[in-house]
Each structure stands twice: as structure tokens, then as C-alpha cells.
Amino acid sequence: MITFHNGRHAGHAGRLEMFRGELVPCFEVPARAEGVLHELRLRGLGPIEAPPAIDGALLATVHQPRYLEFLEGAWDEWVALAPGNDQRDALPSCWPVRHHRSDVVPANFAARMGLFSFDAGTPLTAGTWAAAREGAACALAAAHRVRDGARAAFALTRPPGHHAGADFFGGYCFLNNAALAAQALRDGGAGRVAVLDVDYHHGNGTQAIFYDRADVFYASLHGDPRTEYPFYLGHADETGAGDGLGHNLNLPLPRGTGYAAWSAALADALGAVQRAGAEALVVSLGVDTFDGDPISGFRLAAADYLRVGEALARAGLPTVFVFEGGYAVARVGELTANVLEGFEQAG
């Protein structure tokens, strides 16, 4: 399996995030991706390449132009606001909640940060835009390789993507790599594509992007949003809207869920993917379902991820893997490689 690696990801290295009411060192760090890269090389799990350059217009197949314009220029605007800002990350501090307008883009930078975000845990840094754009290039390269006949490809990139919506960032995510891959597969000729999200946290951004569409089926198994981030989407009664009605499946699970119950939910999700008639599959591959993850609550063991890969392979679909969460930094490489190895061995 070919891996497209984001060589610019380390430029996005946040200092602090807001977590449970206090500023703490960021959980989403460059070492996450570097650990995966090391493990892939150690096991010889296929070639590793940089992605080719992309046409920025492809980002607008998923994201709104005004949002992309903001992200591209946000760091320069932040630095220009005050002396010393080049040594401080930008974090949102206000948001347009119910009954506030979001159609007018404010002139004030802090107000625009709030307009285009949903939490205070996602710092924007000097290298954020370059890292996110290169990550999108990885996802698109993986999708194009699968479109052209490869059985599978892996986009190894950070920041992750599945919490990013068409016009908002949050949950450590700025551009939605899985959604971009799914759209590229559709544009490349797949009649229907499925996105399967196995991250501990619901992919609220991916769901929102495809919620009213019938051509992309979204399925997610994740922590119950009544108690788990991102809280406000991911309930079982969210099944799509308009043309997308019946094309969204959420399988929320309680904190403490082990592999037996989790794998049963995975089987349900894969069954739904088959019934949806998907011709290609995008996997939002988060490994924060691991028992030792510091900000999550499932109890999968390292060996379970081999079986996850095997189950995904049995779906028999051309598959794009996109790296998402996983914050037990010392183990993330092992867990991710286990999924890919299990997938390859099952083939």
C-alpha cells in the first residue's frame, strides 16, 4: 500500500489548547505522525511518497471560498494585530450562536476566528495553512491512486480533518481530508462513495458536509455525544436530510466500550456500507479508541487493530485511509500500522 506523507505537517505545532476549562499543552503534536512514519518504514508496509502539488480550486469542492480565504491569510493577519503575536498561537474567543448572524463576514479578526470555528481547543499557528493544504494534497493523491486502480492508499497527514466543516475548523481540524478524498472519488467516476469513521470522536464536519446528499454515505462509530466531544452531533437519530435521508448512520457507544461491542458496531457499519451500494470506501482512521488514549474512553487493545484492518479488507472495496486522531503518542504508530498490516494481510 502506498502512503502519501505530509512533509510540511510539523510546521503546525500548537503550543496550548483549551481543555476542560484550562490551557494545557496540545495533545495533537507532530510526534503523532512521525511515529506512524517510523513504524511504516520499520515494517516495510509499502512505498512512501510526497503528494504532487494540487490545484487550490479542488479545496472548494468541499469548503466555502470565504473560509479558505480566511485560513490562507489568518496567520499574517494575527501577526499584524500586535507585537509578539508571532510568538503566540491564535485561539478563538467568541462565536455566533443561536439567533446571531453568520452571513456577514466581520472586519474584526477575533470575530472572524469565531465565525469560522466551533471550539477554543484548535490553535492556529504559523504553519497551519501550509500543513493543512499539504495534508489535503495527501488525501487527494491517495484518492487519485485508488481511482486509478490501486486496492488501497494511505494519507498520513496532520492536522487531522474530520471535524472540519465546509466553513469551520475545530477539533484540531482545518481542512476535511476524508471529505476531499470522497469527493475526488465521486468526481473520478465512482457512482457512490462511503466514508467510514472509526475515530473515537464523531466526525461532525464530514457528516455536515454530506448530510443532504445521497451519493456519499457516511457511517460513524464513536463515543456517545451526550458525554463525549464534539457533543452536538453524532446521535443515532441523525439519518440525513433531503436527498440524503437514510444515507447517514451514527452508532454511538458508551465510554468503556471494549472490542467485542465495538467490533459488532463496526460490522453493522460495514453492512450498511454494502447496502448503500458504495463503489469505494474512505476510512477516517483514528486510533484514539485505544485503551491508553489520554482523551478518549474506549478499551481496544493493540492487537485488536489488526482485526480492524482485516474487517475493513473483507468489505472488498477500493479503500482510501486518512489519518485522524490518536493521542497515546508512543503507541500511535504501532496501532495505525496494525490496521494497515491487517488490511494488507487479509488481501
Protein backbone atom coordinates (compact mmCIF):
# COMPACT_ATOMS: atom_id res chain seq x y z
CA MET A 1 0.00 0.00 0.00
CA ILE A 2 1.36 3.38 -0.94
CA THR A 3 1.50 6.11 1.72
CA PHE A 4 1.41 9.80 0.86
CA HIS A 5 3.21 11.64 3.63
CA ASN A 6 2.78 15.30 4.54
CA GLY A 7 6.32 16.64 4.80
CA ARG A 8 5.05 20.02 6.00
CA HIS A 9 2.93 18.78 8.91
CA ALA A 10 5.46 19.71 11.61
CA GLY A 11 5.04 23.38 10.74
CA HIS A 12 1.69 23.13 12.51
CA ALA A 13 2.74 22.74 16.13
CA GLY A 14 0.37 24.37 18.58
CA ARG A 15 1.61 25.45 21.99
CA LEU A 16 -1.59 25.44 24.09
CA GLU A 17 -5.23 24.43 23.76
CA MET A 18 -8.28 24.95 25.95
CA PHE A 19 -9.17 21.59 27.51
CA ARG A 20 -11.74 21.11 30.27
CA GLY A 21 -11.57 24.75 31.28
CA GLU A 22 -7.82 25.33 31.31
CA LEU A 23 -5.00 25.96 28.89
CA VAL A 24 -2.86 22.84 28.54
CA PRO A 25 -0.11 21.68 26.17
CA CYS A 26 -1.58 20.46 22.90
CA PHE A 27 -2.42 16.78 22.55
CA GLU A 28 -2.26 16.96 18.75
CA VAL A 29 1.50 17.10 18.16
CA PRO A 30 3.93 16.39 15.28
CA ALA A 31 5.23 13.25 17.00
CA ARG A 32 1.92 11.54 16.24
CA ALA A 33 2.57 11.42 12.50
CA GLU A 34 6.30 10.87 12.91
CA GLY A 35 5.62 7.76 14.98
CA VAL A 36 3.42 6.34 12.24
CA LEU A 37 6.01 7.12 9.59
CA HIS A 38 8.70 5.33 11.62
CA GLU A 39 6.52 2.24 12.07
CA LEU A 40 5.58 2.06 8.39
CA ARG A 41 9.25 2.12 7.45
CA LEU A 42 10.15 -0.41 10.12
CA ARG A 43 7.59 -2.89 8.83
CA GLY A 44 8.13 -2.20 5.14
CA LEU A 45 4.43 -1.56 4.53
CA GLY A 46 4.91 -0.08 1.08
CA PRO A 47 6.36 2.97 -0.65
CA ILE A 48 6.15 6.39 1.00
CA GLU A 49 5.91 9.44 -1.24
CA ALA A 50 5.24 13.16 -1.07
CA PRO A 51 1.98 14.14 -2.77
CA PRO A 52 2.02 16.05 -6.04
CA ALA A 53 1.01 19.70 -5.93
CA ILE A 54 -2.71 20.35 -6.15
CA ASP A 55 -4.87 22.97 -7.76
CA GLY A 56 -6.26 25.03 -4.90
CA ALA A 57 -9.63 25.06 -6.64
CA LEU A 58 -10.06 21.44 -5.57
CA LEU A 59 -10.39 22.57 -1.95
CA ALA A 60 -13.53 24.47 -2.96
CA THR A 61 -15.22 21.21 -3.96
CA VAL A 62 -15.76 20.73 -0.22
CA HIS A 63 -15.02 24.05 1.51
CA GLN A 64 -16.55 27.50 1.05
CA PRO A 65 -14.32 30.07 -0.69
CA ARG A 66 -14.70 32.68 2.08
CA TYR A 67 -13.49 30.12 4.63
CA LEU A 68 -10.48 29.14 2.52
CA GLU A 69 -9.62 32.80 2.03
CA PHE A 70 -9.70 33.33 5.79
CA LEU A 71 -7.48 30.31 6.54
CA GLU A 72 -4.91 31.26 3.94
CA GLY A 73 -4.40 34.73 5.36
CA ALA A 74 -5.23 34.23 9.03
CA TRP A 75 -1.70 33.90 10.41
CA ASP A 76 -0.45 37.05 8.69
CA GLU A 77 -3.47 38.96 9.99
CA TRP A 78 -2.88 37.67 13.51
CA VAL A 79 0.80 38.66 13.47
CA ALA A 80 -0.06 42.14 12.21
CA LEU A 81 -2.51 42.77 15.06
CA ALA A 82 0.02 43.22 17.88
CA PRO A 83 3.74 42.96 18.68
CA GLY A 84 4.64 39.49 19.91
CA ASN A 85 1.77 37.71 18.17
CA ASP A 86 4.31 35.84 16.07
CA GLN A 87 5.26 34.05 19.31
CA ARG A 88 1.66 33.26 20.28
CA ASP A 89 -0.85 30.95 18.63
CA ALA A 90 -4.28 32.30 17.69
CA LEU A 91 -7.28 30.82 19.51
CA PRO A 92 -10.96 31.75 19.02
CA SER A 93 -12.73 33.52 21.86
CA CYS A 94 -16.27 34.33 20.64
CA TRP A 95 -18.82 32.61 18.44
CA PRO A 96 -22.09 33.42 16.60
CA VAL A 97 -24.51 31.17 18.50
CA ARG A 98 -28.29 30.84 18.04
CA HIS A 99 -30.02 33.92 16.61
CA HIS A 100 -26.70 35.54 15.70
CA ARG A 101 -25.92 36.22 12.06
CA SER A 102 -23.29 34.23 10.17
CA ASP A 103 -23.94 35.53 6.66
CA VAL A 104 -21.93 38.74 7.18
CA VAL A 105 -18.16 38.33 7.49
CA PRO A 106 -16.93 40.71 10.23
CA ALA A 107 -13.97 43.01 9.71
CA ASN A 108 -12.68 42.23 13.22
CA PHE A 109 -10.17 39.36 13.22
CA ALA A 110 -11.33 37.81 16.50
CA ALA A 111 -14.91 37.86 15.25
CA ARG A 112 -13.90 36.10 12.04
CA MET A 113 -11.98 33.50 14.02
CA GLY A 114 -15.20 32.79 15.88
CA LEU A 115 -17.32 32.80 12.74
CA PHE A 116 -15.15 30.09 11.19
CA SER A 117 -14.61 27.88 14.26
CA PHE A 118 -16.51 25.97 16.91
CA ASP A 119 -14.10 25.49 19.82
CA ALA A 120 -11.14 27.03 21.65
CA GLY A 121 -9.02 23.90 21.51
CA THR A 122 -7.66 24.30 17.99
CA PRO A 123 -4.74 26.73 17.83
CA LEU A 124 -3.88 28.34 14.53
CA THR A 125 -0.10 28.62 14.08
CA ALA A 126 2.47 29.95 11.62
CA GLY A 127 2.49 26.70 9.66
CA THR A 128 -1.17 25.74 9.89
CA TRP A 129 -2.26 26.68 6.37
CA ALA A 130 0.75 25.07 4.66
CA ALA A 131 0.35 21.89 6.71
CA ALA A 132 -3.40 21.66 6.13
CA ARG A 133 -3.09 22.30 2.40
CA GLU A 134 -0.33 19.69 2.03
CA GLY A 135 -2.50 17.29 4.02
CA ALA A 136 -5.32 17.84 1.58
CA ALA A 137 -2.85 17.07 -1.21
CA CYS A 138 -2.06 13.75 0.51
CA ALA A 139 -5.74 12.84 0.70
CA LEU A 140 -6.34 13.76 -2.91
CA ALA A 141 -3.26 11.85 -4.08
CA ALA A 142 -4.45 8.75 -2.21
CA ALA A 143 -7.92 9.08 -3.74
CA HIS A 144 -6.49 9.52 -7.23
CA ARG A 145 -4.27 6.45 -6.80
CA VAL A 146 -7.29 4.36 -5.78
CA ARG A 147 -9.38 5.86 -8.58
CA ASP A 148 -6.67 4.74 -10.99
CA GLY A 149 -6.87 1.13 -9.83
CA ALA A 150 -4.93 0.67 -6.60
CA ARG A 151 -6.61 -1.51 -3.98
CA ALA A 152 -5.77 0.97 -1.20
CA ALA A 153 -3.71 4.04 -0.34
CA PHE A 154 -2.96 5.89 2.90
CA ALA A 155 -2.85 9.64 3.53
CA LEU A 156 -0.53 10.13 6.50
CA THR A 157 -1.07 13.71 7.49
CA ARG A 158 -1.79 16.12 10.24
CA PRO A 159 -3.57 18.24 11.29
CA PRO A 160 -6.45 15.76 11.10
CA GLY A 161 -9.62 16.64 9.21
CA HIS A 162 -12.92 15.03 10.13
CA HIS A 163 -14.14 17.78 12.48
CA ALA A 164 -13.69 20.49 9.82
CA GLY A 165 -16.87 21.51 8.04
CA ALA A 166 -17.44 23.36 4.81
CA ASP A 167 -16.81 26.66 6.60
CA PHE A 168 -15.49 25.93 10.08
CA PHE A 169 -12.50 24.49 11.91
CA GLY A 170 -12.26 22.82 15.30
CA GLY A 171 -11.29 19.56 16.96
CA TYR A 172 -7.70 20.09 15.73
CA CYS A 173 -9.01 20.08 12.12
CA PHE A 174 -8.90 22.74 9.39
CA LEU A 175 -9.48 21.00 6.03
CA ASN A 176 -11.58 17.87 5.81
CA ASN A 177 -9.24 15.35 4.20
CA ALA A 178 -11.72 12.46 4.20
CA ALA A 179 -14.41 14.59 2.57
CA LEU A 180 -11.96 15.80 -0.06
CA ALA A 181 -10.97 12.19 -0.81
CA ALA A 182 -14.61 11.12 -1.07
CA GLN A 183 -15.43 13.99 -3.40
CA ALA A 184 -12.40 13.20 -5.55
CA LEU A 185 -13.56 9.59 -5.87
CA ARG A 186 -17.01 10.80 -6.90
CA ASP A 187 -15.54 13.23 -9.41
CA GLY A 188 -13.34 10.41 -10.69
CA GLY A 189 -16.32 8.27 -11.62
CA ALA A 190 -17.46 6.35 -8.52
CA GLY A 191 -21.24 6.41 -8.52
CA ARG A 192 -21.48 6.22 -4.75
CA VAL A 193 -18.80 6.51 -2.08
CA ALA A 194 -18.89 5.64 1.61
CA VAL A 195 -16.98 7.36 4.39
CA LEU A 196 -16.49 5.14 7.44
CA ASP A 197 -15.28 7.00 10.52
CA VAL A 198 -13.70 4.83 13.22
CA ASP A 199 -12.21 7.67 15.29
CA TYR A 200 -13.35 7.86 18.93
CA HIS A 201 -14.87 11.27 18.26
CA HIS A 202 -17.75 11.76 15.85
CA GLY A 203 -16.76 13.34 12.53
CA ASN A 204 -19.20 16.19 12.79
CA GLY A 205 -17.60 18.06 9.90
CA THR A 206 -17.83 15.13 7.50
CA GLN A 207 -21.43 14.47 8.46
CA ALA A 208 -22.36 18.11 7.93
CA ILE A 209 -20.72 18.25 4.50
CA PHE A 210 -22.60 15.24 3.12
CA TYR A 211 -25.77 15.26 5.25
CA ASP A 212 -28.17 16.18 2.44
CA ARG A 213 -26.50 14.10 -0.28
CA ALA A 214 -27.34 10.59 -1.45
CA ASP A 215 -24.11 9.96 -3.34
CA VAL A 216 -21.85 9.83 -0.25
CA PHE A 217 -22.89 7.52 2.59
CA TYR A 218 -21.46 8.44 5.99
CA ALA A 219 -21.17 5.94 8.86
CA SER A 220 -19.52 6.55 12.22
CA LEU A 221 -18.97 4.59 15.42
CA HIS A 222 -17.89 6.87 18.24
CA GLY A 223 -18.29 7.93 21.84
CA ASP A 224 -21.83 8.90 22.86
CA PRO A 225 -22.21 12.65 22.16
CA ARG A 226 -24.22 13.11 25.35
CA THR A 227 -20.91 12.83 27.21
CA GLU A 228 -18.16 12.90 24.55
CA TYR A 229 -16.71 15.59 22.28
CA PRO A 230 -17.82 17.12 19.90
CA PHE A 231 -21.14 16.76 21.79
CA TYR A 232 -23.59 18.43 19.41
CA LEU A 233 -23.74 15.86 16.58
CA GLY A 234 -23.43 12.10 16.37
CA HIS A 235 -26.77 10.92 17.77
CA ALA A 236 -28.39 7.80 16.34
CA ASP A 237 -31.44 9.70 15.11
CA GLU A 238 -29.35 11.76 12.66
CA THR A 239 -30.01 9.86 9.44
CA GLY A 240 -29.63 12.53 6.77
CA ALA A 241 -31.89 15.21 5.31
CA GLY A 242 -33.48 15.87 1.93
CA ASP A 243 -31.85 13.73 -0.75
CA GLY A 244 -29.51 12.41 1.93
CA LEU A 245 -32.22 10.95 4.13
CA GLY A 246 -31.18 7.42 5.06
CA HIS A 247 -27.58 7.98 3.99
CA ASN A 248 -26.14 8.86 7.41
CA LEU A 249 -25.55 6.27 10.12
CA ASN A 250 -24.35 7.06 13.63
CA LEU A 251 -23.53 4.26 16.08
CA PRO A 252 -22.76 6.00 19.39
CA LEU A 253 -21.24 3.80 22.09
CA PRO A 254 -20.76 4.37 25.82
CA ARG A 255 -17.44 5.21 27.43
CA GLY A 256 -15.72 1.98 28.45
CA THR A 257 -16.78 0.03 25.35
CA GLY A 258 -14.42 -2.86 24.61
CA TYR A 259 -13.54 -4.60 21.37
CA ALA A 260 -16.42 -7.10 21.37
CA ALA A 261 -19.12 -4.42 21.35
CA TRP A 262 -17.07 -2.06 19.22
CA SER A 263 -16.40 -4.68 16.54
CA ALA A 264 -20.11 -5.56 16.45
CA ALA A 265 -20.82 -1.90 15.69
CA LEU A 266 -18.12 -1.97 13.00
CA ALA A 267 -19.81 -4.98 11.42
CA ASP A 268 -23.12 -3.09 11.44
CA ALA A 269 -21.49 -0.10 9.80
CA LEU A 270 -19.79 -2.21 7.13
CA GLY A 271 -23.08 -3.96 6.42
CA ALA A 272 -24.72 -0.57 5.92
CA VAL A 273 -21.90 0.48 3.60
CA GLN A 274 -22.56 -2.58 1.45
CA ARG A 275 -26.32 -1.96 1.40
CA ALA A 276 -25.70 1.62 0.35
CA GLY A 277 -24.07 0.34 -2.82
CA ALA A 278 -20.73 2.01 -2.24
CA GLU A 279 -18.17 1.55 -5.00
CA ALA A 280 -15.28 2.95 -2.96
CA LEU A 281 -14.54 3.49 0.72
CA VAL A 282 -12.81 6.27 2.63
CA VAL A 283 -11.78 5.35 6.19
CA SER A 284 -11.30 8.15 8.69
CA LEU A 285 -8.65 6.23 10.61
CA GLY A 286 -8.50 7.43 14.19
CA VAL A 287 -6.78 5.16 16.71
CA ASP A 288 -7.91 7.08 19.80
CA THR A 289 -10.17 4.10 20.51
CA PHE A 290 -7.09 2.59 22.20
CA ASP A 291 -7.39 1.79 25.90
CA GLY A 292 -4.43 4.02 26.74
CA ASP A 293 -5.57 7.14 24.90
CA PRO A 294 -5.45 10.17 27.25
CA ILE A 295 -8.55 11.99 25.96
CA SER A 296 -10.83 9.13 24.92
CA GLY A 297 -12.74 6.30 26.55
CA PHE A 298 -12.87 3.03 24.62
CA ARG A 299 -10.83 -0.03 25.53
CA LEU A 300 -9.38 -1.54 22.37
CA ALA A 301 -6.05 -3.36 22.73
CA ALA A 302 -3.18 -3.06 20.27
CA ALA A 303 -3.81 -6.50 18.72
CA ASP A 304 -7.43 -5.55 18.03
CA TYR A 305 -6.30 -3.12 15.34
CA LEU A 306 -5.03 -5.99 13.20
CA ARG A 307 -8.54 -7.39 13.25
CA VAL A 308 -9.96 -3.96 12.38
CA GLY A 309 -7.81 -3.94 9.26
CA GLU A 310 -8.94 -7.44 8.36
CA ALA A 311 -12.60 -6.46 8.73
CA LEU A 312 -12.11 -3.42 6.51
CA ALA A 313 -10.42 -5.56 3.88
CA ARG A 314 -13.32 -8.01 3.83
CA ALA A 315 -15.56 -5.19 2.59
CA GLY A 316 -13.82 -5.73 -0.74
CA LEU A 317 -13.86 -2.07 -1.73
CA PRO A 318 -11.11 0.18 -3.12
CA THR A 319 -10.10 1.99 0.08
CA VAL A 320 -8.52 5.32 0.98
CA PHE A 321 -7.23 5.53 4.56
CA VAL A 322 -6.93 9.02 6.03
CA PHE A 323 -5.09 9.53 9.34
CA GLU A 324 -7.22 11.20 12.02
CA GLY A 325 -6.94 11.06 15.83
CA GLY A 326 -4.92 9.07 18.32
CA TYR A 327 -3.15 10.74 21.24
CA ALA A 328 -1.28 7.97 23.06
CA VAL A 329 1.71 9.30 21.15
CA ALA A 330 4.13 6.49 21.94
CA ARG A 331 1.67 3.88 20.60
CA VAL A 332 0.00 5.66 17.66
CA GLY A 333 2.48 4.34 15.11
CA GLU A 334 2.01 0.74 16.21
CA LEU A 335 -1.78 0.98 16.25
CA THR A 336 -2.06 2.63 12.85
CA ALA A 337 0.39 0.22 11.24
CA ASN A 338 -1.55 -2.69 12.74
CA VAL A 339 -4.69 -1.59 10.87
CA LEU A 340 -2.84 -1.26 7.58
CA GLU A 341 -0.97 -4.53 8.07
CA GLY A 342 -4.19 -6.36 8.93
CA PHE A 343 -5.79 -4.93 5.79
CA GLU A 344 -2.87 -5.96 3.59
CA GLN A 345 -2.60 -9.47 5.04
CA ALA A 346 -6.32 -10.07 4.57
CA GLY A 347 -5.98 -9.22 0.89
